[in-house]
């Protein structure tokens, strides 16, 4: 009988997505705080949106975890948010592309059974 492997909670893709969403959320709200004039609820909404994007990138059961998945999910979620808030494209597009791609890469690399445990790829 095979021995069951214990899945580490902290290495699950949605949790890694939350880590990345937290870090990218900080990168997004710190300049807003430094600029001033932005209310608490606006900062809360932007930070919460970035957390949600990170979680969905990690939790979405698409073809594989990677940069492509991160880009696709991030753009699908960021375009409506940007349209509703009226954010200019030069503000949200780099964060969607860079943040989504980086989050997808990190989820694919450091998830349970990823690059850290099986060098050479997780596919």
PDB file of N, CA and C in Angstrom:
ATOM      1  N   UNK A   1       0.839  -1.181   0.000  1.00  0.00           N
ATOM      2  CA  UNK A   1       0.000   0.000   0.000  1.00  0.00           C
ATOM      3  C   UNK A   1       0.880   1.240   0.000  1.00  0.00           C
ATOM      4  N   UNK A   2       0.540   2.213  -0.856  1.00  0.00           N
ATOM      5  CA  UNK A   2       1.350   3.420  -0.951  1.00  0.00           C
ATOM      6  C   UNK A   2       1.130   4.316   0.251  1.00  0.00           C
ATOM      7  N   UNK A   3       2.188   4.987   0.599  1.00  0.00           N
ATOM      8  CA  UNK A   3       2.100   5.925   1.718  1.00  0.00           C
ATOM      9  C   UNK A   3       1.525   7.248   1.205  1.00  0.00           C
ATOM     10  N   UNK A   4       0.535   7.743   1.902  1.00  0.00           N
ATOM     11  CA  UNK A   4      -0.071   9.001   1.486  1.00  0.00           C
ATOM     12  C   UNK A   4       0.858  10.154   1.827  1.00  0.00           C
ATOM     13  N   UNK A   5       1.003  11.064   0.878  1.00  0.00           N
ATOM     14  CA  UNK A   5       1.824  12.237   1.140  1.00  0.00           C
ATOM     15  C   UNK A   5       0.955  13.318   1.752  1.00  0.00           C
ATOM     16  N   UNK A   6       1.501  13.959   2.747  1.00  0.00           N
ATOM     17  CA  UNK A   6       0.781  15.020   3.432  1.00  0.00           C
ATOM     18  C   UNK A   6       0.957  16.320   2.643  1.00  0.00           C
ATOM     19  N   UNK A   7      -0.145  16.931   2.246  1.00  0.00           N
ATOM     20  CA  UNK A   7      -0.096  18.164   1.462  1.00  0.00           C
ATOM     21  C   UNK A   7       0.121  19.333   2.417  1.00  0.00           C
ATOM     22  N   UNK A   8       1.164  20.085   2.159  1.00  0.00           N
ATOM     23  CA  UNK A   8       1.471  21.252   2.974  1.00  0.00           C
ATOM     24  C   UNK A   8       0.492  22.374   2.634  1.00  0.00           C
ATOM     25  N   UNK A   9      -0.228  22.869   3.625  1.00  0.00           N
ATOM     26  CA  UNK A   9      -1.237  23.903   3.417  1.00  0.00           C
ATOM     27  C   UNK A   9      -0.636  25.164   2.808  1.00  0.00           C
ATOM     28  N   UNK A  10       0.548  25.534   3.224  1.00  0.00           N
ATOM     29  CA  UNK A  10       1.172  26.789   2.795  1.00  0.00           C
ATOM     30  C   UNK A  10       1.692  26.719   1.366  1.00  0.00           C
ATOM     31  N   UNK A  11       1.729  25.531   0.768  1.00  0.00           N
ATOM     32  CA  UNK A  11       2.224  25.390  -0.599  1.00  0.00           C
ATOM     33  C   UNK A  11       1.089  25.142  -1.594  1.00  0.00           C
ATOM     34  N   UNK A  12      -0.142  25.320  -1.177  1.00  0.00           N
ATOM     35  CA  UNK A  12      -1.266  25.155  -2.088  1.00  0.00           C
ATOM     36  C   UNK A  12      -1.373  26.393  -2.982  1.00  0.00           C
ATOM     37  N   UNK A  13      -1.765  26.210  -4.248  1.00  0.00           N
ATOM     38  CA  UNK A  13      -1.808  27.340  -5.186  1.00  0.00           C
ATOM     39  C   UNK A  13      -2.650  28.532  -4.733  1.00  0.00           C
ATOM     40  N   UNK A  14      -3.855  28.356  -4.156  1.00  0.00           N
ATOM     41  CA  UNK A  14      -4.598  29.545  -3.733  1.00  0.00           C
ATOM     42  C   UNK A  14      -3.889  30.333  -2.627  1.00  0.00           C
ATOM     43  N   UNK A  15      -3.202  29.650  -1.746  1.00  0.00           N
ATOM     44  CA  UNK A  15      -2.487  30.336  -0.661  1.00  0.00           C
ATOM     45  C   UNK A  15      -1.293  31.100  -1.221  1.00  0.00           C
ATOM     46  N   UNK A  16      -0.585  30.505  -2.180  1.00  0.00           N
ATOM     47  CA  UNK A  16       0.524  31.210  -2.820  1.00  0.00           C
ATOM     48  C   UNK A  16      -0.009  32.429  -3.573  1.00  0.00           C
ATOM     49  N   UNK A  17      -1.154  32.294  -4.215  1.00  0.00           N
ATOM     50  CA  UNK A  17      -1.786  33.432  -4.882  1.00  0.00           C
ATOM     51  C   UNK A  17      -2.131  34.541  -3.903  1.00  0.00           C
ATOM     52  N   UNK A  18      -2.590  34.168  -2.698  1.00  0.00           N
ATOM     53  CA  UNK A  18      -2.872  35.183  -1.682  1.00  0.00           C
ATOM     54  C   UNK A  18      -1.601  35.889  -1.228  1.00  0.00           C
ATOM     55  N   UNK A  19      -0.499  35.141  -1.071  1.00  0.00           N
ATOM     56  CA  UNK A  19       0.774  35.784  -0.736  1.00  0.00           C
ATOM     57  C   UNK A  19       1.112  36.851  -1.772  1.00  0.00           C
ATOM     58  N   UNK A  20       1.055  36.442  -3.025  1.00  0.00           N
ATOM     59  CA  UNK A  20       1.425  37.365  -4.102  1.00  0.00           C
ATOM     60  C   UNK A  20       0.440  38.533  -4.188  1.00  0.00           C
ATOM     61  N   UNK A  21      -0.843  38.257  -3.980  1.00  0.00           N
ATOM     62  CA  UNK A  21      -1.821  39.336  -3.983  1.00  0.00           C
ATOM     63  C   UNK A  21      -1.562  40.336  -2.880  1.00  0.00           C
ATOM     64  N   UNK A  22      -1.131  39.855  -1.713  1.00  0.00           N
ATOM     65  CA  UNK A  22      -0.808  40.747  -0.599  1.00  0.00           C
ATOM     66  C   UNK A  22       0.376  41.642  -0.948  1.00  0.00           C
ATOM     67  N   UNK A  23       1.430  41.041  -1.473  1.00  0.00           N
ATOM     68  CA  UNK A  23       2.637  41.815  -1.821  1.00  0.00           C
ATOM     69  C   UNK A  23       2.332  42.820  -2.930  1.00  0.00           C
ATOM     70  N   UNK A  24       1.645  42.383  -3.972  1.00  0.00           N
ATOM     71  CA  UNK A  24       1.326  43.288  -5.071  1.00  0.00           C
ATOM     72  C   UNK A  24       0.308  44.349  -4.649  1.00  0.00           C
ATOM     73  N   UNK A  25      -0.575  44.003  -3.721  1.00  0.00           N
ATOM     74  CA  UNK A  25      -1.496  44.999  -3.180  1.00  0.00           C
ATOM     75  C   UNK A  25      -0.756  46.104  -2.447  1.00  0.00           C
ATOM     76  N   UNK A  26       0.275  45.731  -1.700  1.00  0.00           N
ATOM     77  CA  UNK A  26       1.101  46.747  -1.031  1.00  0.00           C
ATOM     78  C   UNK A  26       1.807  47.640  -2.051  1.00  0.00           C
ATOM     79  N   UNK A  27       2.341  47.015  -3.121  1.00  0.00           N
ATOM     80  CA  UNK A  27       2.992  47.801  -4.164  1.00  0.00           C
ATOM     81  C   UNK A  27       2.020  48.749  -4.854  1.00  0.00           C
ATOM     82  N   UNK A  28       0.764  48.407  -4.837  1.00  0.00           N
ATOM     83  CA  UNK A  28      -0.223  49.240  -5.510  1.00  0.00           C
ATOM     84  C   UNK A  28      -0.745  50.359  -4.613  1.00  0.00           C
ATOM     85  N   UNK A  29      -0.874  50.120  -3.310  1.00  0.00           N
ATOM     86  CA  UNK A  29      -1.441  51.171  -2.465  1.00  0.00           C
ATOM     87  C   UNK A  29      -0.405  52.090  -1.836  1.00  0.00           C
ATOM     88  N   UNK A  30       0.837  51.662  -1.704  1.00  0.00           N
ATOM     89  CA  UNK A  30       1.849  52.536  -1.096  1.00  0.00           C
ATOM     90  C   UNK A  30       2.015  53.838  -1.886  1.00  0.00           C
ATOM     91  N   UNK A  31       2.119  53.807  -3.232  1.00  0.00           N
ATOM     92  CA  UNK A  31       2.192  55.081  -3.957  1.00  0.00           C
ATOM     93  C   UNK A  31       0.921  55.933  -3.799  1.00  0.00           C
ATOM     94  N   UNK A  32      -0.220  55.268  -3.665  1.00  0.00           N
ATOM     95  CA  UNK A  32      -1.466  56.014  -3.486  1.00  0.00           C
ATOM     96  C   UNK A  32      -1.476  56.720  -2.145  1.00  0.00           C
ATOM     97  N   UNK A  33      -0.935  56.066  -1.122  1.00  0.00           N
ATOM     98  CA  UNK A  33      -0.858  56.677   0.203  1.00  0.00           C
ATOM     99  C   UNK A  33       0.131  57.836   0.175  1.00  0.00           C
ATOM    100  N   UNK A  34       1.277  57.630  -0.475  1.00  0.00           N
ATOM    101  CA  UNK A  34       2.299  58.674  -0.547  1.00  0.00           C
ATOM    102  C   UNK A  34       1.791  59.895  -1.302  1.00  0.00           C
ATOM    103  N   UNK A  35       0.987  59.702  -2.324  1.00  0.00           N
ATOM    104  CA  UNK A  35       0.437  60.808  -3.100  1.00  0.00           C
ATOM    105  C   UNK A  35      -0.585  61.601  -2.292  1.00  0.00           C
ATOM    106  N   UNK A  36      -1.315  60.894  -1.439  1.00  0.00           N
ATOM    107  CA  UNK A  36      -2.314  61.543  -0.593  1.00  0.00           C
ATOM    108  C   UNK A  36      -3.628  61.775  -1.323  1.00  0.00           C
ATOM    109  N   UNK A  37      -4.626  62.158  -0.550  1.00  0.00           N
ATOM    110  CA  UNK A  37      -5.923  62.472  -1.124  1.00  0.00           C
ATOM    111  C   UNK A  37      -6.777  61.272  -1.481  1.00  0.00           C
ATOM    112  N   UNK A  38      -6.363  60.081  -1.101  1.00  0.00           N
ATOM    113  CA  UNK A  38      -7.126  58.875  -1.406  1.00  0.00           C
ATOM    114  C   UNK A  38      -7.760  58.373  -0.117  1.00  0.00           C
ATOM    115  N   UNK A  39      -9.039  58.112  -0.175  1.00  0.00           N
ATOM    116  CA  UNK A  39      -9.754  57.670   1.009  1.00  0.00           C
ATOM    117  C   UNK A  39      -9.465  56.227   1.379  1.00  0.00           C
ATOM    118  N   UNK A  40      -9.810  55.897   2.618  1.00  0.00           N
ATOM    119  CA  UNK A  40      -9.563  54.556   3.141  1.00  0.00           C
ATOM    120  C   UNK A  40     -10.272  53.494   2.333  1.00  0.00           C
ATOM    121  N   UNK A  41     -11.528  53.716   1.976  1.00  0.00           N
ATOM    122  CA  UNK A  41     -12.296  52.689   1.288  1.00  0.00           C
ATOM    123  C   UNK A  41     -11.787  52.460  -0.127  1.00  0.00           C
ATOM    124  N   UNK A  42     -11.247  53.501  -0.735  1.00  0.00           N
ATOM    125  CA  UNK A  42     -10.653  53.317  -2.059  1.00  0.00           C
ATOM    126  C   UNK A  42      -9.404  52.447  -1.946  1.00  0.00           C
ATOM    127  N   UNK A  43      -8.570  52.711  -0.964  1.00  0.00           N
ATOM    128  CA  UNK A  43      -7.381  51.884  -0.731  1.00  0.00           C
ATOM    129  C   UNK A  43      -7.774  50.447  -0.403  1.00  0.00           C
ATOM    130  N   UNK A  44      -8.802  50.297   0.412  1.00  0.00           N
ATOM    131  CA  UNK A  44      -9.295  48.970   0.791  1.00  0.00           C
ATOM    132  C   UNK A  44      -9.775  48.199  -0.428  1.00  0.00           C
ATOM    133  N   UNK A  45     -10.500  48.891  -1.321  1.00  0.00           N
ATOM    134  CA  UNK A  45     -11.020  48.235  -2.521  1.00  0.00           C
ATOM    135  C   UNK A  45      -9.890  47.815  -3.453  1.00  0.00           C
ATOM    136  N   UNK A  46      -8.902  48.661  -3.640  1.00  0.00           N
ATOM    137  CA  UNK A  46      -7.783  48.322  -4.531  1.00  0.00           C
ATOM    138  C   UNK A  46      -6.975  47.169  -3.950  1.00  0.00           C
ATOM    139  N   UNK A  47      -6.707  47.214  -2.649  1.00  0.00           N
ATOM    140  CA  UNK A  47      -5.949  46.134  -2.011  1.00  0.00           C
ATOM    141  C   UNK A  47      -6.739  44.823  -2.040  1.00  0.00           C
ATOM    142  N   UNK A  48      -8.026  44.895  -1.743  1.00  0.00           N
ATOM    143  CA  UNK A  48      -8.873  43.700  -1.776  1.00  0.00           C
ATOM    144  C   UNK A  48      -8.977  43.114  -3.180  1.00  0.00           C
ATOM    145  N   UNK A  49      -9.028  43.979  -4.174  1.00  0.00           N
ATOM    146  CA  UNK A  49      -9.071  43.501  -5.560  1.00  0.00           C
ATOM    147  C   UNK A  49      -7.796  42.749  -5.911  1.00  0.00           C
ATOM    148  N   UNK A  50      -6.650  43.274  -5.509  1.00  0.00           N
ATOM    149  CA  UNK A  50      -5.385  42.595  -5.816  1.00  0.00           C
ATOM    150  C   UNK A  50      -5.291  41.260  -5.079  1.00  0.00           C
ATOM    151  N   UNK A  51      -5.791  41.193  -3.836  1.00  0.00           N
ATOM    152  CA  UNK A  51      -5.842  39.917  -3.114  1.00  0.00           C
ATOM    153  C   UNK A  51      -6.732  38.918  -3.849  1.00  0.00           C
ATOM    154  N   UNK A  52      -7.876  39.379  -4.306  1.00  0.00           N
ATOM    155  CA  UNK A  52      -8.809  38.499  -5.016  1.00  0.00           C
ATOM    156  C   UNK A  52      -8.209  37.991  -6.323  1.00  0.00           C
ATOM    157  N   UNK A  53      -7.511  38.852  -7.051  1.00  0.00           N
ATOM    158  CA  UNK A  53      -6.881  38.434  -8.301  1.00  0.00           C
ATOM    159  C   UNK A  53      -5.835  37.355  -8.020  1.00  0.00           C
ATOM    160  N   UNK A  54      -5.016  37.548  -6.988  1.00  0.00           N
ATOM    161  CA  UNK A  54      -4.017  36.538  -6.636  1.00  0.00           C
ATOM    162  C   UNK A  54      -4.653  35.213  -6.262  1.00  0.00           C
ATOM    163  N   UNK A  55      -5.731  35.270  -5.489  1.00  0.00           N
ATOM    164  CA  UNK A  55      -6.420  34.041  -5.084  1.00  0.00           C
ATOM    165  C   UNK A  55      -7.001  33.313  -6.288  1.00  0.00           C
ATOM    166  N   UNK A  56      -7.635  34.047  -7.192  1.00  0.00           N
ATOM    167  CA  UNK A  56      -8.261  33.418  -8.356  1.00  0.00           C
ATOM    168  C   UNK A  56      -7.206  32.824  -9.284  1.00  0.00           C
ATOM    169  N   UNK A  57      -6.067  33.489  -9.436  1.00  0.00           N
ATOM    170  CA  UNK A  57      -4.997  32.926 -10.266  1.00  0.00           C
ATOM    171  C   UNK A  57      -4.555  31.585  -9.691  1.00  0.00           C
ATOM    172  N   UNK A  58      -4.443  31.496  -8.383  1.00  0.00           N
ATOM    173  CA  UNK A  58      -4.034  30.241  -7.767  1.00  0.00           C
ATOM    174  C   UNK A  58      -5.119  29.186  -7.759  1.00  0.00           C
ATOM    175  N   UNK A  59      -6.376  29.593  -7.682  1.00  0.00           N
ATOM    176  CA  UNK A  59      -7.468  28.633  -7.540  1.00  0.00           C
ATOM    177  C   UNK A  59      -8.074  28.196  -8.876  1.00  0.00           C
ATOM    178  N   UNK A  60      -7.848  28.962  -9.936  1.00  0.00           N
ATOM    179  CA  UNK A  60      -8.466  28.644 -11.225  1.00  0.00           C
ATOM    180  C   UNK A  60      -7.877  27.367 -11.809  1.00  0.00           C
ATOM    181  N   UNK A  61      -8.707  26.367 -12.074  1.00  0.00           N
ATOM    182  CA  UNK A  61      -8.196  25.096 -12.609  1.00  0.00           C
ATOM    183  C   UNK A  61      -8.064  25.138 -14.134  1.00  0.00           C
ATOM    184  N   UNK A  62      -7.208  26.017 -14.634  1.00  0.00           N
ATOM    185  CA  UNK A  62      -6.994  26.079 -16.075  1.00  0.00           C
ATOM    186  C   UNK A  62      -5.968  25.034 -16.485  1.00  0.00           C
ATOM    187  N   UNK A  63      -5.475  25.101 -17.696  1.00  0.00           N
ATOM    188  CA  UNK A  63      -4.630  24.048 -18.257  1.00  0.00           C
ATOM    189  C   UNK A  63      -3.369  23.792 -17.455  1.00  0.00           C
ATOM    190  N   UNK A  64      -2.722  24.815 -16.944  1.00  0.00           N
ATOM    191  CA  UNK A  64      -1.554  24.636 -16.079  1.00  0.00           C
ATOM    192  C   UNK A  64      -1.323  25.933 -15.329  1.00  0.00           C
ATOM    193  N   UNK A  65      -0.530  25.845 -14.286  1.00  0.00           N
ATOM    194  CA  UNK A  65      -0.194  27.041 -13.538  1.00  0.00           C
ATOM    195  C   UNK A  65       1.032  27.672 -14.181  1.00  0.00           C
ATOM    196  N   UNK A  66       0.945  28.919 -14.518  1.00  0.00           N
ATOM    197  CA  UNK A  66       2.077  29.570 -15.141  1.00  0.00           C
ATOM    198  C   UNK A  66       1.757  31.001 -15.520  1.00  0.00           C
ATOM    199  N   UNK A  67       2.688  31.595 -16.239  1.00  0.00           N
ATOM    200  CA  UNK A  67       2.583  33.001 -16.611  1.00  0.00           C
ATOM    201  C   UNK A  67       1.346  33.252 -17.468  1.00  0.00           C
ATOM    202  N   UNK A  68       1.057  32.365 -18.390  1.00  0.00           N
ATOM    203  CA  UNK A  68      -0.097  32.555 -19.276  1.00  0.00           C
ATOM    204  C   UNK A  68      -1.397  32.594 -18.489  1.00  0.00           C
ATOM    205  N   UNK A  69      -1.543  31.690 -17.551  1.00  0.00           N
ATOM    206  CA  UNK A  69      -2.748  31.682 -16.725  1.00  0.00           C
ATOM    207  C   UNK A  69      -2.832  32.971 -15.914  1.00  0.00           C
ATOM    208  N   UNK A  70      -1.715  33.396 -15.340  1.00  0.00           N
ATOM    209  CA  UNK A  70      -1.711  34.627 -14.550  1.00  0.00           C
ATOM    210  C   UNK A  70      -2.093  35.842 -15.376  1.00  0.00           C
ATOM    211  N   UNK A  71      -1.541  35.942 -16.588  1.00  0.00           N
ATOM    212  CA  UNK A  71      -1.879  37.065 -17.468  1.00  0.00           C
ATOM    213  C   UNK A  71      -3.352  37.062 -17.846  1.00  0.00           C
ATOM    214  N   UNK A  72      -3.843  35.903 -18.244  1.00  0.00           N
ATOM    215  CA  UNK A  72      -5.230  35.798 -18.690  1.00  0.00           C
ATOM    216  C   UNK A  72      -6.206  36.151 -17.572  1.00  0.00           C
ATOM    217  N   UNK A  73      -6.031  35.536 -16.419  1.00  0.00           N
ATOM    218  CA  UNK A  73      -6.958  35.780 -15.303  1.00  0.00           C
ATOM    219  C   UNK A  73      -6.857  37.225 -14.827  1.00  0.00           C
ATOM    220  N   UNK A  74      -5.646  37.752 -14.746  1.00  0.00           N
ATOM    221  CA  UNK A  74      -5.464  39.124 -14.283  1.00  0.00           C
ATOM    222  C   UNK A  74      -6.123  40.127 -15.228  1.00  0.00           C
ATOM    223  N   UNK A  75      -5.957  39.944 -16.524  1.00  0.00           N
ATOM    224  CA  UNK A  75      -6.588  40.870 -17.471  1.00  0.00           C
ATOM    225  C   UNK A  75      -8.109  40.758 -17.446  1.00  0.00           C
ATOM    226  N   UNK A  76      -8.614  39.535 -17.343  1.00  0.00           N
ATOM    227  CA  UNK A  76     -10.072  39.347 -17.312  1.00  0.00           C
ATOM    228  C   UNK A  76     -10.677  40.031 -16.074  1.00  0.00           C
ATOM    229  N   UNK A  77      -9.967  40.022 -14.958  1.00  0.00           N
ATOM    230  CA  UNK A  77     -10.502  40.646 -13.747  1.00  0.00           C
ATOM    231  C   UNK A  77     -10.170  42.132 -13.637  1.00  0.00           C
ATOM    232  N   UNK A  78      -9.065  42.576 -14.226  1.00  0.00           N
ATOM    233  CA  UNK A  78      -8.662  43.973 -14.090  1.00  0.00           C
ATOM    234  C   UNK A  78      -9.358  44.914 -15.067  1.00  0.00           C
ATOM    235  N   UNK A  79      -9.710  44.450 -16.250  1.00  0.00           N
ATOM    236  CA  UNK A  79     -10.358  45.329 -17.226  1.00  0.00           C
ATOM    237  C   UNK A  79     -11.697  45.867 -16.703  1.00  0.00           C
ATOM    238  N   UNK A  80     -12.609  45.029 -16.202  1.00  0.00           N
ATOM    239  CA  UNK A  80     -13.859  45.587 -15.673  1.00  0.00           C
ATOM    240  C   UNK A  80     -13.636  46.493 -14.459  1.00  0.00           C
ATOM    241  N   UNK A  81     -12.691  46.136 -13.590  1.00  0.00           N
ATOM    242  CA  UNK A  81     -12.402  46.964 -12.420  1.00  0.00           C
ATOM    243  C   UNK A  81     -11.895  48.336 -12.848  1.00  0.00           C
ATOM    244  N   UNK A  82     -11.037  48.368 -13.851  1.00  0.00           N
ATOM    245  CA  UNK A  82     -10.503  49.638 -14.340  1.00  0.00           C
ATOM    246  C   UNK A  82     -11.595  50.471 -15.016  1.00  0.00           C
ATOM    247  N   UNK A  83     -12.488  49.822 -15.744  1.00  0.00           N
ATOM    248  CA  UNK A  83     -13.570  50.560 -16.388  1.00  0.00           C
ATOM    249  C   UNK A  83     -14.524  51.165 -15.366  1.00  0.00           C
ATOM    250  N   UNK A  84     -14.823  50.428 -14.323  1.00  0.00           N
ATOM    251  CA  UNK A  84     -15.735  50.931 -13.295  1.00  0.00           C
ATOM    252  C   UNK A  84     -15.109  52.082 -12.513  1.00  0.00           C
ATOM    253  N   UNK A  85     -13.826  51.959 -12.176  1.00  0.00           N
ATOM    254  CA  UNK A  85     -13.175  52.997 -11.381  1.00  0.00           C
ATOM    255  C   UNK A  85     -12.688  54.165 -12.215  1.00  0.00           C
ATOM    256  N   UNK A  86     -12.616  54.009 -13.529  1.00  0.00           N
ATOM    257  CA  UNK A  86     -12.156  55.086 -14.393  1.00  0.00           C
ATOM    258  C   UNK A  86     -10.652  55.281 -14.355  1.00  0.00           C
ATOM    259  N   UNK A  87      -9.920  54.242 -14.007  1.00  0.00           N
ATOM    260  CA  UNK A  87      -8.460  54.334 -13.939  1.00  0.00           C
ATOM    261  C   UNK A  87      -7.881  54.413 -15.347  1.00  0.00           C
ATOM    262  N   UNK A  88      -6.866  55.255 -15.551  1.00  0.00           N
ATOM    263  CA  UNK A  88      -6.246  55.323 -16.873  1.00  0.00           C
ATOM    264  C   UNK A  88      -5.471  54.042 -17.184  1.00  0.00           C
ATOM    265  N   UNK A  89      -5.383  53.710 -18.474  1.00  0.00           N
ATOM    266  CA  UNK A  89      -4.774  52.444 -18.885  1.00  0.00           C
ATOM    267  C   UNK A  89      -3.319  52.335 -18.458  1.00  0.00           C
ATOM    268  N   UNK A  90      -2.590  53.450 -18.442  1.00  0.00           N
ATOM    269  CA  UNK A  90      -1.169  53.395 -18.079  1.00  0.00           C
ATOM    270  C   UNK A  90      -0.953  53.127 -16.596  1.00  0.00           C
ATOM    271  N   UNK A  91      -2.016  53.157 -15.817  1.00  0.00           N
ATOM    272  CA  UNK A  91      -1.906  52.811 -14.398  1.00  0.00           C
ATOM    273  C   UNK A  91      -2.187  51.327 -14.157  1.00  0.00           C
ATOM    274  N   UNK A  92      -3.275  50.831 -14.702  1.00  0.00           N
ATOM    275  CA  UNK A  92      -3.668  49.458 -14.361  1.00  0.00           C
ATOM    276  C   UNK A  92      -3.077  48.398 -15.279  1.00  0.00           C
ATOM    277  N   UNK A  93      -2.775  48.726 -16.544  1.00  0.00           N
ATOM    278  CA  UNK A  93      -2.279  47.715 -17.468  1.00  0.00           C
ATOM    279  C   UNK A  93      -0.911  47.144 -17.069  1.00  0.00           C
ATOM    280  N   UNK A  94       0.077  47.965 -16.701  1.00  0.00           N
ATOM    281  CA  UNK A  94       1.352  47.369 -16.269  1.00  0.00           C
ATOM    282  C   UNK A  94       1.203  46.479 -15.032  1.00  0.00           C
ATOM    283  N   UNK A  95       0.362  46.890 -14.097  1.00  0.00           N
ATOM    284  CA  UNK A  95       0.169  46.078 -12.898  1.00  0.00           C
ATOM    285  C   UNK A  95      -0.549  44.781 -13.236  1.00  0.00           C
ATOM    286  N   UNK A  96      -1.492  44.832 -14.161  1.00  0.00           N
ATOM    287  CA  UNK A  96      -2.197  43.613 -14.555  1.00  0.00           C
ATOM    288  C   UNK A  96      -1.252  42.651 -15.265  1.00  0.00           C
ATOM    289  N   UNK A  97      -0.443  43.155 -16.181  1.00  0.00           N
ATOM    290  CA  UNK A  97       0.453  42.287 -16.945  1.00  0.00           C
ATOM    291  C   UNK A  97       1.592  41.781 -16.063  1.00  0.00           C
ATOM    292  N   UNK A  98       2.281  42.696 -15.400  1.00  0.00           N
ATOM    293  CA  UNK A  98       3.419  42.293 -14.573  1.00  0.00           C
ATOM    294  C   UNK A  98       2.961  41.497 -13.352  1.00  0.00           C
ATOM    295  N   UNK A  99       1.957  42.001 -12.647  1.00  0.00           N
ATOM    296  CA  UNK A  99       1.485  41.326 -11.436  1.00  0.00           C
ATOM    297  C   UNK A  99       0.853  39.977 -11.725  1.00  0.00           C
ATOM    298  N   UNK A 100       0.036  39.911 -12.764  1.00  0.00           N
ATOM    299  CA  UNK A 100      -0.591  38.641 -13.122  1.00  0.00           C
ATOM    300  C   UNK A 100       0.409  37.607 -13.592  1.00  0.00           C
ATOM    301  N   UNK A 101       1.351  38.038 -14.436  1.00  0.00           N
ATOM    302  CA  UNK A 101       2.378  37.118 -14.916  1.00  0.00           C
ATOM    303  C   UNK A 101       3.266  36.623 -13.796  1.00  0.00           C
ATOM    304  N   UNK A 102       3.668  37.529 -12.915  1.00  0.00           N
ATOM    305  CA  UNK A 102       4.527  37.139 -11.789  1.00  0.00           C
ATOM    306  C   UNK A 102       3.787  36.209 -10.830  1.00  0.00           C
ATOM    307  N   UNK A 103       2.530  36.503 -10.563  1.00  0.00           N
ATOM    308  CA  UNK A 103       1.751  35.641  -9.676  1.00  0.00           C
ATOM    309  C   UNK A 103       1.581  34.251 -10.279  1.00  0.00           C
ATOM    310  N   UNK A 104       1.273  34.180 -11.565  1.00  0.00           N
ATOM    311  CA  UNK A 104       1.154  32.882 -12.229  1.00  0.00           C
ATOM    312  C   UNK A 104       2.459  32.100 -12.195  1.00  0.00           C
ATOM    313  N   UNK A 105       3.566  32.802 -12.396  1.00  0.00           N
ATOM    314  CA  UNK A 105       4.869  32.137 -12.348  1.00  0.00           C
ATOM    315  C   UNK A 105       5.150  31.587 -10.953  1.00  0.00           C
ATOM    316  N   UNK A 106       4.903  32.400  -9.925  1.00  0.00           N
ATOM    317  CA  UNK A 106       5.188  31.979  -8.557  1.00  0.00           C
ATOM    318  C   UNK A 106       4.284  30.824  -8.131  1.00  0.00           C
ATOM    319  N   UNK A 107       3.028  30.854  -8.529  1.00  0.00           N
ATOM    320  CA  UNK A 107       2.117  29.756  -8.194  1.00  0.00           C
ATOM    321  C   UNK A 107       2.600  28.472  -8.856  1.00  0.00           C
ATOM    322  N   UNK A 108       3.001  28.548 -10.113  1.00  0.00           N
ATOM    323  CA  UNK A 108       3.478  27.360 -10.811  1.00  0.00           C
ATOM    324  C   UNK A 108       4.796  26.844 -10.273  1.00  0.00           C
ATOM    325  N   UNK A 109       5.639  27.722  -9.810  1.00  0.00           N
ATOM    326  CA  UNK A 109       6.973  27.296  -9.377  1.00  0.00           C
ATOM    327  C   UNK A 109       6.980  26.749  -7.956  1.00  0.00           C
ATOM    328  N   UNK A 110       6.259  27.374  -7.063  1.00  0.00           N
ATOM    329  CA  UNK A 110       6.392  27.028  -5.655  1.00  0.00           C
ATOM    330  C   UNK A 110       5.225  26.248  -5.077  1.00  0.00           C
ATOM    331  N   UNK A 111       4.309  25.803  -5.904  1.00  0.00           N
ATOM    332  CA  UNK A 111       3.195  25.018  -5.380  1.00  0.00           C
ATOM    333  C   UNK A 111       3.679  23.634  -4.966  1.00  0.00           C
ATOM    334  N   UNK A 112       2.836  22.906  -4.264  1.00  0.00           N
ATOM    335  CA  UNK A 112       3.164  21.537  -3.858  1.00  0.00           C
ATOM    336  C   UNK A 112       3.417  20.709  -5.104  1.00  0.00           C
ATOM    337  N   UNK A 113       4.580  20.112  -5.194  1.00  0.00           N
ATOM    338  CA  UNK A 113       4.918  19.309  -6.353  1.00  0.00           C
ATOM    339  C   UNK A 113       5.506  20.111  -7.486  1.00  0.00           C
ATOM    340  N   UNK A 114       5.849  21.364  -7.242  1.00  0.00           N
ATOM    341  CA  UNK A 114       6.382  22.224  -8.290  1.00  0.00           C
ATOM    342  C   UNK A 114       7.887  22.110  -8.416  1.00  0.00           C
ATOM    343  N   UNK A 115       8.502  23.143  -8.896  1.00  0.00           N
ATOM    344  CA  UNK A 115       9.934  23.164  -9.178  1.00  0.00           C
ATOM    345  C   UNK A 115      10.788  22.831  -7.953  1.00  0.00           C
ATOM    346  N   UNK A 116      10.318  23.194  -6.783  1.00  0.00           N
ATOM    347  CA  UNK A 116      11.116  22.995  -5.601  1.00  0.00           C
ATOM    348  C   UNK A 116      11.309  21.501  -5.277  1.00  0.00           C
ATOM    349  N   UNK A 117      10.325  20.687  -5.627  1.00  0.00           N
ATOM    350  CA  UNK A 117      10.404  19.268  -5.310  1.00  0.00           C
ATOM    351  C   UNK A 117      10.767  18.410  -6.500  1.00  0.00           C
ATOM    352  N   UNK A 118      10.457  18.882  -7.716  1.00  0.00           N
ATOM    353  CA  UNK A 118      10.768  18.130  -8.925  1.00  0.00           C
ATOM    354  C   UNK A 118      11.513  19.055  -9.890  1.00  0.00           C
ATOM    355  N   UNK A 119      12.826  19.199  -9.734  1.00  0.00           N
ATOM    356  CA  UNK A 119      13.569  20.080 -10.637  1.00  0.00           C
ATOM    357  C   UNK A 119      13.375  19.655 -12.083  1.00  0.00           C
ATOM    358  N   UNK A 120      13.279  20.648 -12.949  1.00  0.00           N
ATOM    359  CA  UNK A 120      13.096  20.354 -14.361  1.00  0.00           C
ATOM    360  C   UNK A 120      11.680  20.608 -14.841  1.00  0.00           C
ATOM    361  N   UNK A 121      10.778  20.920 -13.937  1.00  0.00           N
ATOM    362  CA  UNK A 121       9.428  21.259 -14.363  1.00  0.00           C
ATOM    363  C   UNK A 121       8.355  20.573 -13.545  1.00  0.00           C
ATOM    364  N   UNK A 122       7.179  21.128 -13.593  1.00  0.00           N
ATOM    365  CA  UNK A 122       6.049  20.595 -12.851  1.00  0.00           C
ATOM    366  C   UNK A 122       4.971  20.061 -13.764  1.00  0.00           C
ATOM    367  N   UNK A 123       5.200  20.000 -15.036  1.00  0.00           N
ATOM    368  CA  UNK A 123       4.182  19.554 -15.980  1.00  0.00           C
ATOM    369  C   UNK A 123       4.045  18.060 -15.980  1.00  0.00           C
TER     370      UNK A 123
END
